[in-house]
PDB file of N, CA and C in Angstrom:
ATOM      1  N   MET A   1     101.064 103.773 102.038  1.00  0.00           N
ATOM      2  CA  MET A   1      99.687 103.585 101.623  1.00  0.00           C
ATOM      3  C   MET A   1      98.822 103.496 102.872  1.00  0.00           C
ATOM      4  N   PRO A   2      97.723 104.271 102.949  1.00  0.00           N
ATOM      5  CA  PRO A   2      96.853 104.227 104.113  1.00  0.00           C
ATOM      6  C   PRO A   2      96.140 102.880 104.204  1.00  0.00           C
ATOM      7  N   PRO A   3      95.722 102.504 105.418  1.00  0.00           N
ATOM      8  CA  PRO A   3      95.017 101.226 105.555  1.00  0.00           C
ATOM      9  C   PRO A   3      93.691 101.254 104.802  1.00  0.00           C
ATOM     10  N   TYR A   4      93.303 100.096 104.318  1.00  0.00           N
ATOM     11  CA  TYR A   4      92.045 100.000 103.592  1.00  0.00           C
ATOM     12  C   TYR A   4      90.876 100.051 104.552  1.00  0.00           C
ATOM     13  N   SER A   5      89.765 100.581 104.098  1.00  0.00           N
ATOM     14  CA  SER A   5      88.552 100.613 104.904  1.00  0.00           C
ATOM     15  C   SER A   5      87.707  99.390 104.577  1.00  0.00           C
ATOM     16  N   THR A   6      86.681  99.170 105.385  1.00  0.00           N
ATOM     17  CA  THR A   6      85.788  98.035 105.139  1.00  0.00           C
ATOM     18  C   THR A   6      85.004  98.220 103.846  1.00  0.00           C
ATOM     19  N   ALA A   7      84.925  99.432 103.345  1.00  0.00           N
ATOM     20  CA  ALA A   7      84.194  99.697 102.100  1.00  0.00           C
ATOM     21  C   ALA A   7      85.003  99.299 100.872  1.00  0.00           C
ATOM     22  N   ASP A   8      86.304  99.235 100.982  1.00  0.00           N
ATOM     23  CA  ASP A   8      87.145  98.973  99.813  1.00  0.00           C
ATOM     24  C   ASP A   8      86.873  97.619  99.174  1.00  0.00           C
ATOM     25  N   HIS A   9      86.738  96.583  99.979  1.00  0.00           N
ATOM     26  CA  HIS A   9      86.578  95.232  99.432  1.00  0.00           C
ATOM     27  C   HIS A   9      85.325  95.097  98.564  1.00  0.00           C
ATOM     28  N   PRO A  10      84.120  95.446  99.063  1.00  0.00           N
ATOM     29  CA  PRO A  10      82.942  95.308  98.192  1.00  0.00           C
ATOM     30  C   PRO A  10      82.988  96.222  96.967  1.00  0.00           C
ATOM     31  N   VAL A  11      83.550  97.410  97.121  1.00  0.00           N
ATOM     32  CA  VAL A  11      83.660  98.338  95.993  1.00  0.00           C
ATOM     33  C   VAL A  11      84.591  97.756  94.931  1.00  0.00           C
ATOM     34  N   LEU A  12      85.737  97.253  95.343  1.00  0.00           N
ATOM     35  CA  LEU A  12      86.678  96.659  94.393  1.00  0.00           C
ATOM     36  C   LEU A  12      86.097  95.423  93.715  1.00  0.00           C
ATOM     37  N   GLU A  13      85.352  94.603  94.455  1.00  0.00           N
ATOM     38  CA  GLU A  13      84.725  93.419  93.855  1.00  0.00           C
ATOM     39  C   GLU A  13      83.810  93.812  92.700  1.00  0.00           C
ATOM     40  N   ILE A  14      83.018  94.854  92.891  1.00  0.00           N
ATOM     41  CA  ILE A  14      82.085  95.313  91.856  1.00  0.00           C
ATOM     42  C   ILE A  14      82.851  95.842  90.648  1.00  0.00           C
ATOM     43  N   ILE A  15      83.877  96.633  90.882  1.00  0.00           N
ATOM     44  CA  ILE A  15      84.647  97.216  89.781  1.00  0.00           C
ATOM     45  C   ILE A  15      85.372  96.129  88.991  1.00  0.00           C
ATOM     46  N   ILE A  16      85.896  95.134  89.676  1.00  0.00           N
ATOM     47  CA  ILE A  16      86.581  94.034  88.992  1.00  0.00           C
ATOM     48  C   ILE A  16      85.583  93.196  88.200  1.00  0.00           C
ATOM     49  N   ARG A  17      84.433  92.915  88.800  1.00  0.00           N
ATOM     50  CA  ARG A  17      83.413  92.084  88.153  1.00  0.00           C
ATOM     51  C   ARG A  17      82.774  92.793  86.957  1.00  0.00           C
ATOM     52  N   SER A  18      82.594  94.106  87.071  1.00  0.00           N
ATOM     53  CA  SER A  18      81.905  94.867  86.022  1.00  0.00           C
ATOM     54  C   SER A  18      82.713  96.107  85.660  1.00  0.00           C
ATOM     55  N   PRO A  19      83.780  95.949  84.880  1.00  0.00           N
ATOM     56  CA  PRO A  19      84.598  97.109  84.506  1.00  0.00           C
ATOM     57  C   PRO A  19      83.761  98.186  83.813  1.00  0.00           C
ATOM     58  N   GLY A  20      84.006  99.420  84.175  1.00  0.00           N
ATOM     59  CA  GLY A  20      83.272 100.517  83.563  1.00  0.00           C
ATOM     60  C   GLY A  20      81.931 100.782  84.212  1.00  0.00           C
ATOM     61  N   THR A  21      81.698 100.178  85.368  1.00  0.00           N
ATOM     62  CA  THR A  21      80.454 100.387  86.093  1.00  0.00           C
ATOM     63  C   THR A  21      80.320 101.857  86.459  1.00  0.00           C
ATOM     64  N   ALA A  22      79.119 102.382  86.323  1.00  0.00           N
ATOM     65  CA  ALA A  22      78.866 103.769  86.714  1.00  0.00           C
ATOM     66  C   ALA A  22      79.009 103.899  88.230  1.00  0.00           C
ATOM     67  N   PHE A  23      79.508 105.037  88.666  1.00  0.00           N
ATOM     68  CA  PHE A  23      79.663 105.280  90.102  1.00  0.00           C
ATOM     69  C   PHE A  23      78.344 105.037  90.824  1.00  0.00           C
ATOM     70  N   ASP A  24      77.245 105.560  90.281  1.00  0.00           N
ATOM     71  CA  ASP A  24      75.937 105.397  90.921  1.00  0.00           C
ATOM     72  C   ASP A  24      75.544 103.929  91.037  1.00  0.00           C
ATOM     73  N   GLU A  25      75.931 103.123  90.071  1.00  0.00           N
ATOM     74  CA  GLU A  25      75.636 101.691  90.108  1.00  0.00           C
ATOM     75  C   GLU A  25      76.443 101.008  91.213  1.00  0.00           C
ATOM     76  N   VAL A  26      77.665 101.435  91.420  1.00  0.00           N
ATOM     77  CA  VAL A  26      78.471 100.882  92.517  1.00  0.00           C
ATOM     78  C   VAL A  26      77.761 101.160  93.840  1.00  0.00           C
ATOM     79  N   VAL A  27      77.255 102.370  94.006  1.00  0.00           N
ATOM     80  CA  VAL A  27      76.526 102.729  95.230  1.00  0.00           C
ATOM     81  C   VAL A  27      75.319 101.811  95.410  1.00  0.00           C
ATOM     82  N   LEU A  28      74.546 101.597  94.337  1.00  0.00           N
ATOM     83  CA  LEU A  28      73.352 100.750  94.426  1.00  0.00           C
ATOM     84  C   LEU A  28      73.692  99.300  94.738  1.00  0.00           C
ATOM     85  N   GLN A  29      74.841  98.837  94.274  1.00  0.00           N
ATOM     86  CA  GLN A  29      75.234  97.450  94.505  1.00  0.00           C
ATOM     87  C   GLN A  29      75.890  97.242  95.875  1.00  0.00           C
ATOM     88  N   CYS A  30      76.006  98.289  96.651  1.00  0.00           N
ATOM     89  CA  CYS A  30      76.576  98.201  98.007  1.00  0.00           C
ATOM     90  C   CYS A  30      75.535  98.675  99.026  1.00  0.00           C
ATOM     91  N   PRO A  31      74.457  97.903  99.214  1.00  0.00           N
ATOM     92  CA  PRO A  31      73.377  98.364 100.088  1.00  0.00           C
ATOM     93  C   PRO A  31      73.785  98.525 101.554  1.00  0.00           C
ATOM     94  N   ASP A  32      74.859  97.883 101.972  1.00  0.00           N
ATOM     95  CA  ASP A  32      75.306  97.997 103.362  1.00  0.00           C
ATOM     96  C   ASP A  32      76.218  99.200 103.593  1.00  0.00           C
ATOM     97  N   LEU A  33      76.516  99.934 102.522  1.00  0.00           N
ATOM     98  CA  LEU A  33      77.383 101.104 102.620  1.00  0.00           C
ATOM     99  C   LEU A  33      76.601 102.360 102.271  1.00  0.00           C
ATOM    100  N   THR A  34      76.997 103.468 102.863  1.00  0.00           N
ATOM    101  CA  THR A  34      76.378 104.742 102.510  1.00  0.00           C
ATOM    102  C   THR A  34      77.022 105.283 101.233  1.00  0.00           C
ATOM    103  N   TRP A  35      76.372 106.261 100.615  1.00  0.00           N
ATOM    104  CA  TRP A  35      76.936 106.919  99.436  1.00  0.00           C
ATOM    105  C   TRP A  35      78.314 107.479  99.792  1.00  0.00           C
ATOM    106  N   ASN A  36      78.414 108.095 100.969  1.00  0.00           N
ATOM    107  CA  ASN A  36      79.672 108.706 101.386  1.00  0.00           C
ATOM    108  C   ASN A  36      80.784 107.669 101.546  1.00  0.00           C
ATOM    109  N   GLN A  37      80.477 106.488 102.078  1.00  0.00           N
ATOM    110  CA  GLN A  37      81.491 105.440 102.225  1.00  0.00           C
ATOM    111  C   GLN A  37      82.006 104.981 100.859  1.00  0.00           C
ATOM    112  N   VAL A  38      81.091 104.815  99.902  1.00  0.00           N
ATOM    113  CA  VAL A  38      81.491 104.392  98.554  1.00  0.00           C
ATOM    114  C   VAL A  38      82.328 105.491  97.900  1.00  0.00           C
ATOM    115  N   PHE A  39      81.873 106.730  98.001  1.00  0.00           N
ATOM    116  CA  PHE A  39      82.619 107.849  97.421  1.00  0.00           C
ATOM    117  C   PHE A  39      84.026 107.934  98.013  1.00  0.00           C
ATOM    118  N   THR A  40      84.121 107.828  99.333  1.00  0.00           N
ATOM    119  CA  THR A  40      85.417 107.925 100.004  1.00  0.00           C
ATOM    120  C   THR A  40      86.349 106.800  99.569  1.00  0.00           C
ATOM    121  N   ALA A  41      85.811 105.586  99.454  1.00  0.00           N
ATOM    122  CA  ALA A  41      86.628 104.441  99.020  1.00  0.00           C
ATOM    123  C   ALA A  41      87.132 104.653  97.596  1.00  0.00           C
ATOM    124  N   ILE A  42      86.236 105.057  96.689  1.00  0.00           N
ATOM    125  CA  ILE A  42      86.635 105.264  95.291  1.00  0.00           C
ATOM    126  C   ILE A  42      87.608 106.434  95.178  1.00  0.00           C
ATOM    127  N   ASP A  43      87.373 107.491  95.923  1.00  0.00           N
ATOM    128  CA  ASP A  43      88.281 108.641  95.905  1.00  0.00           C
ATOM    129  C   ASP A  43      89.679 108.228  96.357  1.00  0.00           C
ATOM    130  N   ARG A  44      89.764 107.501  97.454  1.00  0.00           N
ATOM    131  CA  ARG A  44      91.065 107.063  97.966  1.00  0.00           C
ATOM    132  C   ARG A  44      91.751 106.117  96.980  1.00  0.00           C
ATOM    133  N   LEU A  45      90.991 105.142  96.458  1.00  0.00           N
ATOM    134  CA  LEU A  45      91.562 104.186  95.501  1.00  0.00           C
ATOM    135  C   LEU A  45      92.034 104.892  94.230  1.00  0.00           C
ATOM    136  N   ASN A  46      91.308 105.939  93.819  1.00  0.00           N
ATOM    137  CA  ASN A  46      91.715 106.722  92.655  1.00  0.00           C
ATOM    138  C   ASN A  46      93.006 107.483  92.937  1.00  0.00           C
ATOM    139  N   ARG A  47      93.104 108.097  94.095  1.00  0.00           N
ATOM    140  CA  ARG A  47      94.312 108.856  94.461  1.00  0.00           C
ATOM    141  C   ARG A  47      95.534 107.949  94.585  1.00  0.00           C
ATOM    142  N   GLU A  48      95.293 106.681  94.983  1.00  0.00           N
ATOM    143  CA  GLU A  48      96.387 105.710  95.110  1.00  0.00           C
ATOM    144  C   GLU A  48      96.748 105.077  93.771  1.00  0.00           C
ATOM    145  N   GLY A  49      95.940 105.340  92.739  1.00  0.00           N
ATOM    146  CA  GLY A  49      96.222 104.801  91.419  1.00  0.00           C
ATOM    147  C   GLY A  49      95.658 103.413  91.168  1.00  0.00           C
ATOM    148  N   ALA A  50      94.813 102.918  92.075  1.00  0.00           N
ATOM    149  CA  ALA A  50      94.234 101.579  91.911  1.00  0.00           C
ATOM    150  C   ALA A  50      93.054 101.584  90.947  1.00  0.00           C
ATOM    151  N   VAL A  51      92.280 102.674  90.942  1.00  0.00           N
ATOM    152  CA  VAL A  51      91.138 102.784  90.033  1.00  0.00           C
ATOM    153  C   VAL A  51      91.213 104.105  89.289  1.00  0.00           C
ATOM    154  N   THR A  52      90.498 104.177  88.189  1.00  0.00           N
ATOM    155  CA  THR A  52      90.438 105.388  87.381  1.00  0.00           C
ATOM    156  C   THR A  52      88.983 105.729  87.112  1.00  0.00           C
ATOM    157  N   LEU A  53      88.667 107.005  87.198  1.00  0.00           N
ATOM    158  CA  LEU A  53      87.325 107.493  86.891  1.00  0.00           C
ATOM    159  C   LEU A  53      87.329 108.067  85.484  1.00  0.00           C
ATOM    160  N   THR A  54      86.303 107.714  84.716  1.00  0.00           N
ATOM    161  CA  THR A  54      86.173 108.210  83.355  1.00  0.00           C
ATOM    162  C   THR A  54      84.901 109.046  83.278  1.00  0.00           C
ATOM    163  N   PRO A  55      85.008 110.340  82.918  1.00  0.00           N
ATOM    164  CA  PRO A  55      83.814 111.179  82.843  1.00  0.00           C
ATOM    165  C   PRO A  55      82.893 110.751  81.708  1.00  0.00           C
ATOM    166  N   LYS A  56      81.605 110.816  81.983  1.00  0.00           N
ATOM    167  CA  LYS A  56      80.566 110.520  80.997  1.00  0.00           C
ATOM    168  C   LYS A  56      79.649 111.736  80.900  1.00  0.00           C
ATOM    169  N   LYS A  57      78.646 111.640  80.092  1.00  0.00           N
ATOM    170  CA  LYS A  57      77.698 112.746  79.930  1.00  0.00           C
ATOM    171  C   LYS A  57      76.949 113.018  81.234  1.00  0.00           C
ATOM    172  N   GLY A  58      76.557 114.262  81.408  1.00  0.00           N
ATOM    173  CA  GLY A  58      75.698 114.639  82.520  1.00  0.00           C
ATOM    174  C   GLY A  58      76.344 114.571  83.890  1.00  0.00           C
ATOM    175  N   GLY A  59      77.661 114.666  83.942  1.00  0.00           N
ATOM    176  CA  GLY A  59      78.336 114.657  85.228  1.00  0.00           C
ATOM    177  C   GLY A  59      78.465 113.285  85.863  1.00  0.00           C
ATOM    178  N   HIS A  60      78.250 112.241  85.098  1.00  0.00           N
ATOM    179  CA  HIS A  60      78.379 110.877  85.603  1.00  0.00           C
ATOM    180  C   HIS A  60      79.784 110.354  85.318  1.00  0.00           C
ATOM    181  N   TYR A  61      80.193 109.364  86.086  1.00  0.00           N
ATOM    182  CA  TYR A  61      81.513 108.764  85.932  1.00  0.00           C
ATOM    183  C   TYR A  61      81.416 107.252  85.930  1.00  0.00           C
ATOM    184  N   SER A  62      82.285 106.619  85.147  1.00  0.00           N
ATOM    185  CA  SER A  62      82.430 105.168  85.236  1.00  0.00           C
ATOM    186  C   SER A  62      83.750 104.892  85.941  1.00  0.00           C
ATOM    187  N   VAL A  63      83.806 103.727  86.588  1.00  0.00           N
ATOM    188  CA  VAL A  63      84.967 103.376  87.398  1.00  0.00           C
ATOM    189  C   VAL A  63      85.608 102.117  86.832  1.00  0.00           C
ATOM    190  N   HIS A  64      86.918 102.151  86.668  1.00  0.00           N
ATOM    191  CA  HIS A  64      87.690 101.028  86.126  1.00  0.00           C
ATOM    192  C   HIS A  64      88.877 100.760  87.034  1.00  0.00           C
ATOM    193  N   MET A  65      89.331  99.523  87.068  1.00  0.00           N
ATOM    194  CA  MET A  65      90.629  99.247  87.679  1.00  0.00           C
ATOM    195  C   MET A  65      91.655  99.961  86.803  1.00  0.00           C
ATOM    196  N   ALA A  66      92.704 100.469  87.393  1.00  0.00           N
ATOM    197  CA  ALA A  66      93.680 101.265  86.647  1.00  0.00           C
ATOM    198  C   ALA A  66      94.257 100.510  85.461  1.00  0.00           C
ATOM    199  N   ASP A  67      94.466  99.209  85.587  1.00  0.00           N
ATOM    200  CA  ASP A  67      95.032  98.446  84.474  1.00  0.00           C
ATOM    201  C   ASP A  67      94.015  98.159  83.383  1.00  0.00           C
ATOM    202  N   GLN A  68      92.723  98.398  83.638  1.00  0.00           N
ATOM    203  CA  GLN A  68      91.687  98.194  82.630  1.00  0.00           C
ATOM    204  C   GLN A  68      91.519  99.416  81.739  1.00  0.00           C
ATOM    205  N   VAL A  69      92.011 100.557  82.172  1.00  0.00           N
ATOM    206  CA  VAL A  69      91.821 101.797  81.426  1.00  0.00           C
ATOM    207  C   VAL A  69      92.472 101.719  80.057  1.00  0.00           C
ATOM    208  N   SER A  70      93.586 101.034  79.945  1.00  0.00           N
ATOM    209  CA  SER A  70      94.264 100.943  78.654  1.00  0.00           C
ATOM    210  C   SER A  70      93.429 100.184  77.625  1.00  0.00           C
ATOM    211  N   LEU A  71      92.418  99.451  78.082  1.00  0.00           N
ATOM    212  CA  LEU A  71      91.559  98.695  77.176  1.00  0.00           C
ATOM    213  C   LEU A  71      90.412  99.532  76.623  1.00  0.00           C
ATOM    214  N   ILE A  72      90.211 100.743  77.153  1.00  0.00           N
ATOM    215  CA  ILE A  72      89.111 101.600  76.727  1.00  0.00           C
ATOM    216  C   ILE A  72      89.540 102.377  75.490  1.00  0.00           C
ATOM    217  N   PRO A  73      88.746 102.325  74.415  1.00  0.00           N
ATOM    218  CA  PRO A  73      89.100 103.110  73.232  1.00  0.00           C
ATOM    219  C   PRO A  73      89.121 104.601  73.573  1.00  0.00           C
ATOM    220  N   PRO A  74      90.072 105.361  73.037  1.00  0.00           N
ATOM    221  CA  PRO A  74      90.159 106.791  73.345  1.00  0.00           C
ATOM    222  C   PRO A  74      88.863 107.543  73.082  1.00  0.00           C
ATOM    223  N   SER A  75      88.120 107.165  72.071  1.00  0.00           N
ATOM    224  CA  SER A  75      86.869 107.859  71.761  1.00  0.00           C
ATOM    225  C   SER A  75      85.820 107.638  72.831  1.00  0.00           C
ATOM    226  N   ALA A  76      85.944 106.616  73.662  1.00  0.00           N
ATOM    227  CA  ALA A  76      84.953 106.317  74.688  1.00  0.00           C
ATOM    228  C   ALA A  76      85.303 106.945  76.027  1.00  0.00           C
ATOM    229  N   LYS A  77      86.478 107.547  76.147  1.00  0.00           N
ATOM    230  CA  LYS A  77      86.917 108.053  77.439  1.00  0.00           C
ATOM    231  C   LYS A  77      86.191 109.320  77.866  1.00  0.00           C
ATOM    232  N   ILE A  78      85.903 110.223  76.966  1.00  0.00           N
ATOM    233  CA  ILE A  78      85.194 111.449  77.328  1.00  0.00           C
ATOM    234  C   ILE A  78      84.044 111.630  76.361  1.00  0.00           C
ATOM    235  N   MET A  79      82.868 111.695  76.932  1.00  0.00           N
ATOM    236  CA  MET A  79      81.670 111.832  76.096  1.00  0.00           C
ATOM    237  C   MET A  79      80.935 113.086  76.469  1.00  0.00           C
TER     238      MET A  79
END
């Protein structure tokens, strides 16, 4: 597993505190990080299986901890 970046901790805190948070909302809640830092952290965490992205309408995504995904009703996963 690659070392965690400084962006991982604040990103994970937001996802844990607010499951299903929109990716754009995670960016807004991390004012000390750039969009690219948040994207890179979420991309890496997703590839490692720690978080899962759920597609929403209009090309938007919500972010969940991987163990929270099983709590999402199947009808809510793709809109």
